[in-house]
Amino acid sequence: MITMAYGTNGLADHRLDDALALLADHGYGGVALTLDHMHLDPLAPDLAARTTAVRGMLERHGLRVVVETGARYVLDPRRKHEPTLLSDEGRERRVALLRTAVEIAADLGSPAVHLWSGILPVGTSRATGRSRLRAGLEELIPVAEAAGVVLAFEPEPGMLVERVDDVLDLRRELGDPDALRLTVDVGHLTCVEDAPGPDVVRRVGDLIAHVQVDDMVRGVHEHLELGTGDVDLPGVLTALHEAAFDGLAAVELPRHSHAAARLVASSAEAIRASAYQADIPLRPRR
């Protein structure tokens, strides 16, 4: 059953406990927690104690959680998203961050850690980029397996891995490991995929571990408020329900923190309306 959730990268102006209380008040059943300085900093001291405190917040508010790792400047204050698994230098720092994310996920009871490839560096061949990516994942997959956590890989427009088929190719190259699955951003389906979003979900539904929800228009990678783009949200929710998806569908509006209080409310209404139109249930808060 689908759990309605919201991403903390769209709540950057809220203290974490205030953000979680806001989500609970509006009936969300989960949260996509981005590891970043404002909520749960993966690089600051006393991580174990802070993670325990966050788990207490989640339990108090009755929220499920998935750990996300897309913070813009958590590793480098001057270069957005760098270093990545593709970078010419510093790839080991991204691997270390993802290892930490897996540990945090296990401690929080999160079934998945979200990640992406990054942008291919200028002057680096696609073959070299793929080789670097495989090497990083070959190191991380056993870590995830040992922790009982899934790596939920997101195809991201403009990155080396930008379409669902790119993730499927990567999985095949790595031997189709169970611990490497998909994050599907429903806006990205509209932005870059050839087939309609619901059809893509039906094709890969058994591999989807995490879902991000936003609106978008064809060919433009801009996360929009629900109902303002071309995403067929009722159709996507129907396809997820048919695939027996049992994870979080988390609103992904990372540039809208200034309007979070309004958007938490309006997004919940839009998801409920789409679920009602699709005649499918949403999982209640635990």
Foldseek 3Di string as FASTA:
>chain_A
DEFEEAECLLQQVDAPLVVLQLLLVLFGAAYEYEQADRYQPLPDPPNVVSLVVVLVSCVVSLYAYEYEHLAQDSPHVPGGPPDFLQDPPDNVVNLVSVLSSLVSCLSNVHQEYEDEGAAHDPPDDLVSSLVSSLVSVVVCQVSNVVSNHAYAYEQPPRHSRNDPVSQVVSCVVVPVDLRYAHEEEQQSCQADNPDASLVVCLVRVLRHQHYEYFHYHYNDPAGHQPPPHDGLLLSNVLSNVVSVHDYYHYYDHSPNSVCVSVRSNVNSVRNVVSCVVNVHDHDTRD
